[in-house]
Amino acid sequence: MEPKDYIVVKIEGEYAYIREIGKGESEDIFIALALLPFGADIGTKLHCEFFTYTIIE
């Protein structure tokens, strides 16, 4: 799996919707907040590599 960057676009309960950065109108991905780093919130940019998310910028 190649590394990708995402942005958190919506949070509902214990789940987040993330969208790939630079893909235009890409489909949102539904993911458990527990898989994201502490402090992730709406607008947070994430880098994903080997199913590990880190906050960027």
PDB file of N, CA and C in Angstrom:
ATOM      1  N   MET A   1       0.847  -1.181   0.000  1.00  0.00           N
ATOM      2  CA  MET A   1       0.000   0.000   0.000  1.00  0.00           C
ATOM      3  C   MET A   1       0.889   1.241   0.000  1.00  0.00           C
ATOM      4  N   GLU A   2       0.643   2.130  -0.917  1.00  0.00           N
ATOM      5  CA  GLU A   2       1.450   3.346  -1.006  1.00  0.00           C
ATOM      6  C   GLU A   2       0.999   4.379   0.026  1.00  0.00           C
ATOM      7  N   PRO A   3       1.910   5.224   0.499  1.00  0.00           N
ATOM      8  CA  PRO A   3       1.546   6.268   1.468  1.00  0.00           C
ATOM      9  C   PRO A   3       0.563   7.262   0.856  1.00  0.00           C
ATOM     10  N   LYS A   4      -0.377   7.731   1.671  1.00  0.00           N
ATOM     11  CA  LYS A   4      -1.374   8.705   1.219  1.00  0.00           C
ATOM     12  C   LYS A   4      -1.612   9.719   2.318  1.00  0.00           C
ATOM     13  N   ASP A   5      -2.065  10.907   1.909  1.00  0.00           N
ATOM     14  CA  ASP A   5      -2.418  11.957   2.862  1.00  0.00           C
ATOM     15  C   ASP A   5      -3.927  12.158   2.835  1.00  0.00           C
ATOM     16  N   TYR A   6      -4.488  12.391   4.028  1.00  0.00           N
ATOM     17  CA  TYR A   6      -5.927  12.552   4.185  1.00  0.00           C
ATOM     18  C   TYR A   6      -6.220  13.779   5.029  1.00  0.00           C
ATOM     19  N   ILE A   7      -7.479  14.217   5.004  1.00  0.00           N
ATOM     20  CA  ILE A   7      -7.955  15.263   5.890  1.00  0.00           C
ATOM     21  C   ILE A   7      -9.243  14.772   6.536  1.00  0.00           C
ATOM     22  N   VAL A   8      -9.395  15.056   7.826  1.00  0.00           N
ATOM     23  CA  VAL A   8     -10.613  14.671   8.537  1.00  0.00           C
ATOM     24  C   VAL A   8     -11.707  15.674   8.161  1.00  0.00           C
ATOM     25  N   VAL A   9     -12.795  15.170   7.571  1.00  0.00           N
ATOM     26  CA  VAL A   9     -13.859  16.072   7.114  1.00  0.00           C
ATOM     27  C   VAL A   9     -15.087  16.065   8.013  1.00  0.00           C
ATOM     28  N   LYS A  10     -15.268  14.987   8.795  1.00  0.00           N
ATOM     29  CA  LYS A  10     -16.450  14.918   9.664  1.00  0.00           C
ATOM     30  C   LYS A  10     -16.199  13.885  10.754  1.00  0.00           C
ATOM     31  N   ILE A  11     -16.741  14.157  11.943  1.00  0.00           N
ATOM     32  CA  ILE A  11     -16.675  13.209  13.048  1.00  0.00           C
ATOM     33  C   ILE A  11     -18.090  12.984  13.553  1.00  0.00           C
ATOM     34  N   GLU A  12     -18.455  11.718  13.678  1.00  0.00           N
ATOM     35  CA  GLU A  12     -19.772  11.342  14.207  1.00  0.00           C
ATOM     36  C   GLU A  12     -19.570  10.297  15.292  1.00  0.00           C
ATOM     37  N   GLY A  13     -19.763  10.688  16.537  1.00  0.00           N
ATOM     38  CA  GLY A  13     -19.570   9.753  17.642  1.00  0.00           C
ATOM     39  C   GLY A  13     -18.126   9.303  17.729  1.00  0.00           C
ATOM     40  N   GLU A  14     -17.906   8.001  17.593  1.00  0.00           N
ATOM     41  CA  GLU A  14     -16.557   7.453  17.683  1.00  0.00           C
ATOM     42  C   GLU A  14     -15.976   7.119  16.312  1.00  0.00           C
ATOM     43  N   TYR A  15     -16.519   7.729  15.277  1.00  0.00           N
ATOM     44  CA  TYR A  15     -16.055   7.472  13.916  1.00  0.00           C
ATOM     45  C   TYR A  15     -15.744   8.777  13.207  1.00  0.00           C
ATOM     46  N   ALA A  16     -14.810   8.712  12.259  1.00  0.00           N
ATOM     47  CA  ALA A  16     -14.420   9.884  11.476  1.00  0.00           C
ATOM     48  C   ALA A  16     -14.543   9.560   9.993  1.00  0.00           C
ATOM     49  N   TYR A  17     -14.805  10.580   9.224  1.00  0.00           N
ATOM     50  CA  TYR A  17     -14.788  10.481   7.773  1.00  0.00           C
ATOM     51  C   TYR A  17     -13.546  11.215   7.305  1.00  0.00           C
ATOM     52  N   ILE A  18     -12.696  10.529   6.551  1.00  0.00           N
ATOM     53  CA  ILE A  18     -11.484  11.152   6.026  1.00  0.00           C
ATOM     54  C   ILE A  18     -11.528  11.127   4.503  1.00  0.00           C
ATOM     55  N   ARG A  19     -10.894  12.117   3.891  1.00  0.00           N
ATOM     56  CA  ARG A  19     -10.873  12.250   2.431  1.00  0.00           C
ATOM     57  C   ARG A  19      -9.425  12.394   1.978  1.00  0.00           C
ATOM     58  N   GLU A  20      -9.080  11.700   0.914  1.00  0.00           N
ATOM     59  CA  GLU A  20      -7.712  11.770   0.393  1.00  0.00           C
ATOM     60  C   GLU A  20      -7.442  13.162  -0.166  1.00  0.00           C
ATOM     61  N   ILE A  21      -6.302  13.722   0.208  1.00  0.00           N
ATOM     62  CA  ILE A  21      -5.906  15.052  -0.256  1.00  0.00           C
ATOM     63  C   ILE A  21      -5.364  14.940  -1.675  1.00  0.00           C
ATOM     64  N   GLY A  22      -5.778  15.858  -2.533  1.00  0.00           N
ATOM     65  CA  GLY A  22      -5.268  15.899  -3.893  1.00  0.00           C
ATOM     66  C   GLY A  22      -6.008  15.008  -4.867  1.00  0.00           C
ATOM     67  N   LYS A  23      -7.123  14.436  -4.456  1.00  0.00           N
ATOM     68  CA  LYS A  23      -7.889  13.552  -5.338  1.00  0.00           C
ATOM     69  C   LYS A  23      -9.159  14.220  -5.860  1.00  0.00           C
ATOM     70  N   GLY A  24      -9.328  15.524  -5.594  1.00  0.00           N
ATOM     71  CA  GLY A  24     -10.536  16.206  -6.056  1.00  0.00           C
ATOM     72  C   GLY A  24     -11.760  15.720  -5.302  1.00  0.00           C
ATOM     73  N   GLU A  25     -12.709  15.196  -6.020  1.00  0.00           N
ATOM     74  CA  GLU A  25     -13.961  14.718  -5.429  1.00  0.00           C
ATOM     75  C   GLU A  25     -13.879  13.241  -5.093  1.00  0.00           C
ATOM     76  N   SER A  26     -12.930  12.851  -4.257  1.00  0.00           N
ATOM     77  CA  SER A  26     -12.799  11.449  -3.880  1.00  0.00           C
ATOM     78  C   SER A  26     -13.850  11.089  -2.834  1.00  0.00           C
ATOM     79  N   GLU A  27     -14.124   9.813  -2.707  1.00  0.00           N
ATOM     80  CA  GLU A  27     -15.111   9.320  -1.764  1.00  0.00           C
ATOM     81  C   GLU A  27     -14.531   9.342  -0.350  1.00  0.00           C
ATOM     82  N   ASP A  28     -15.355   9.699   0.642  1.00  0.00           N
ATOM     83  CA  ASP A  28     -14.905   9.709   2.030  1.00  0.00           C
ATOM     84  C   ASP A  28     -14.753   8.283   2.545  1.00  0.00           C
ATOM     85  N   ILE A  29     -13.792   8.104   3.451  1.00  0.00           N
ATOM     86  CA  ILE A  29     -13.542   6.810   4.074  1.00  0.00           C
ATOM     87  C   ILE A  29     -14.014   6.897   5.519  1.00  0.00           C
ATOM     88  N   PHE A  30     -14.760   5.913   5.968  1.00  0.00           N
ATOM     89  CA  PHE A  30     -15.311   5.821   7.310  1.00  0.00           C
ATOM     90  C   PHE A  30     -14.335   5.019   8.159  1.00  0.00           C
ATOM     91  N   ILE A  31     -13.832   5.609   9.277  1.00  0.00           N
ATOM     92  CA  ILE A  31     -12.815   4.944  10.083  1.00  0.00           C
ATOM     93  C   ILE A  31     -13.047   5.235  11.566  1.00  0.00           C
ATOM     94  N   ALA A  32     -12.712   4.275  12.423  1.00  0.00           N
ATOM     95  CA  ALA A  32     -12.849   4.457  13.869  1.00  0.00           C
ATOM     96  C   ALA A  32     -11.836   5.493  14.361  1.00  0.00           C
ATOM     97  N   LEU A  33     -12.287   6.395  15.227  1.00  0.00           N
ATOM     98  CA  LEU A  33     -11.388   7.411  15.788  1.00  0.00           C
ATOM     99  C   LEU A  33     -10.233   6.782  16.544  1.00  0.00           C
ATOM    100  N   ALA A  34     -10.444   5.607  17.111  1.00  0.00           N
ATOM    101  CA  ALA A  34      -9.390   4.928  17.873  1.00  0.00           C
ATOM    102  C   ALA A  34      -8.176   4.599  17.013  1.00  0.00           C
ATOM    103  N   LEU A  35      -8.350   4.538  15.697  1.00  0.00           N
ATOM    104  CA  LEU A  35      -7.229   4.243  14.799  1.00  0.00           C
ATOM    105  C   LEU A  35      -6.429   5.488  14.430  1.00  0.00           C
ATOM    106  N   LEU A  36      -6.979   6.661  14.748  1.00  0.00           N
ATOM    107  CA  LEU A  36      -6.307   7.918  14.431  1.00  0.00           C
ATOM    108  C   LEU A  36      -5.503   8.391  15.638  1.00  0.00           C
ATOM    109  N   PRO A  37      -4.468   9.211  15.410  1.00  0.00           N
ATOM    110  CA  PRO A  37      -3.649   9.691  16.521  1.00  0.00           C
ATOM    111  C   PRO A  37      -4.435  10.604  17.457  1.00  0.00           C
ATOM    112  N   PHE A  38      -4.029  10.643  18.726  1.00  0.00           N
ATOM    113  CA  PHE A  38      -4.656  11.509  19.712  1.00  0.00           C
ATOM    114  C   PHE A  38      -4.603  12.955  19.234  1.00  0.00           C
ATOM    115  N   GLY A  39      -5.717  13.657  19.335  1.00  0.00           N
ATOM    116  CA  GLY A  39      -5.774  15.056  18.930  1.00  0.00           C
ATOM    117  C   GLY A  39      -6.335  15.271  17.541  1.00  0.00           C
ATOM    118  N   ALA A  40      -6.614  14.194  16.815  1.00  0.00           N
ATOM    119  CA  ALA A  40      -7.190  14.342  15.472  1.00  0.00           C
ATOM    120  C   ALA A  40      -8.594  14.931  15.594  1.00  0.00           C
ATOM    121  N   ASP A  41      -8.880  15.944  14.782  1.00  0.00           N
ATOM    122  CA  ASP A  41     -10.169  16.626  14.806  1.00  0.00           C
ATOM    123  C   ASP A  41     -10.508  17.048  13.379  1.00  0.00           C
ATOM    124  N   ILE A  42     -11.663  17.641  13.192  1.00  0.00           N
ATOM    125  CA  ILE A  42     -12.066  18.096  11.864  1.00  0.00           C
ATOM    126  C   ILE A  42     -11.017  19.082  11.343  1.00  0.00           C
ATOM    127  N   GLY A  43     -10.566  18.862  10.119  1.00  0.00           N
ATOM    128  CA  GLY A  43      -9.555  19.719   9.511  1.00  0.00           C
ATOM    129  C   GLY A  43      -8.127  19.223   9.707  1.00  0.00           C
ATOM    130  N   THR A  44      -7.934  18.220  10.537  1.00  0.00           N
ATOM    131  CA  THR A  44      -6.602  17.670  10.769  1.00  0.00           C
ATOM    132  C   THR A  44      -6.119  16.925   9.532  1.00  0.00           C
ATOM    133  N   LYS A  45      -4.883  17.185   9.135  1.00  0.00           N
ATOM    134  CA  LYS A  45      -4.292  16.472   7.999  1.00  0.00           C
ATOM    135  C   LYS A  45      -3.505  15.285   8.523  1.00  0.00           C
ATOM    136  N   LEU A  46      -3.674  14.153   7.859  1.00  0.00           N
ATOM    137  CA  LEU A  46      -3.055  12.904   8.294  1.00  0.00           C
ATOM    138  C   LEU A  46      -2.226  12.292   7.184  1.00  0.00           C
ATOM    139  N   HIS A  47      -1.166  11.619   7.575  1.00  0.00           N
ATOM    140  CA  HIS A  47      -0.358  10.835   6.637  1.00  0.00           C
ATOM    141  C   HIS A  47      -0.548   9.378   7.023  1.00  0.00           C
ATOM    142  N   CYS A  48      -0.863   8.537   6.042  1.00  0.00           N
ATOM    143  CA  CYS A  48      -1.084   7.110   6.308  1.00  0.00           C
ATOM    144  C   CYS A  48      -0.051   6.286   5.555  1.00  0.00           C
ATOM    145  N   GLU A  49       0.646   5.451   6.309  1.00  0.00           N
ATOM    146  CA  GLU A  49       1.625   4.547   5.717  1.00  0.00           C
ATOM    147  C   GLU A  49       1.585   3.248   6.511  1.00  0.00           C
ATOM    148  N   PHE A  50       1.378   2.136   5.838  1.00  0.00           N
ATOM    149  CA  PHE A  50       1.259   0.818   6.469  1.00  0.00           C
ATOM    150  C   PHE A  50       0.170   0.820   7.550  1.00  0.00           C
ATOM    151  N   PHE A  51      -0.958   1.445   7.239  1.00  0.00           N
ATOM    152  CA  PHE A  51      -2.132   1.526   8.128  1.00  0.00           C
ATOM    153  C   PHE A  51      -1.850   2.217   9.445  1.00  0.00           C
ATOM    154  N   THR A  52      -0.826   3.073   9.469  1.00  0.00           N
ATOM    155  CA  THR A  52      -0.510   3.881  10.633  1.00  0.00           C
ATOM    156  C   THR A  52      -0.695   5.350  10.252  1.00  0.00           C
ATOM    157  N   TYR A  53      -1.511   6.063  11.025  1.00  0.00           N
ATOM    158  CA  TYR A  53      -1.818   7.454  10.751  1.00  0.00           C
ATOM    159  C   TYR A  53      -0.998   8.369  11.649  1.00  0.00           C
ATOM    160  N   THR A  54      -0.432   9.441  11.067  1.00  0.00           N
ATOM    161  CA  THR A  54       0.274  10.456  11.834  1.00  0.00           C
ATOM    162  C   THR A  54      -0.234  11.823  11.399  1.00  0.00           C
ATOM    163  N   ILE A  55      -0.226  12.771  12.319  1.00  0.00           N
ATOM    164  CA  ILE A  55      -0.679  14.126  12.019  1.00  0.00           C
ATOM    165  C   ILE A  55       0.437  14.880  11.302  1.00  0.00           C
ATOM    166  N   ILE A  56       0.079  15.579  10.224  1.00  0.00           N
ATOM    167  CA  ILE A  56       1.046  16.413   9.493  1.00  0.00           C
ATOM    168  C   ILE A  56       0.623  17.856   9.568  1.00  0.00           C
ATOM    169  N   GLU A  57       1.567  18.753   9.406  1.00  0.00           N
ATOM    170  CA  GLU A  57       1.403  20.207   9.464  1.00  0.00           C
ATOM    171  C   GLU A  57       0.990  20.578  10.834  1.00  0.00           C
TER     172      GLU A  57
END
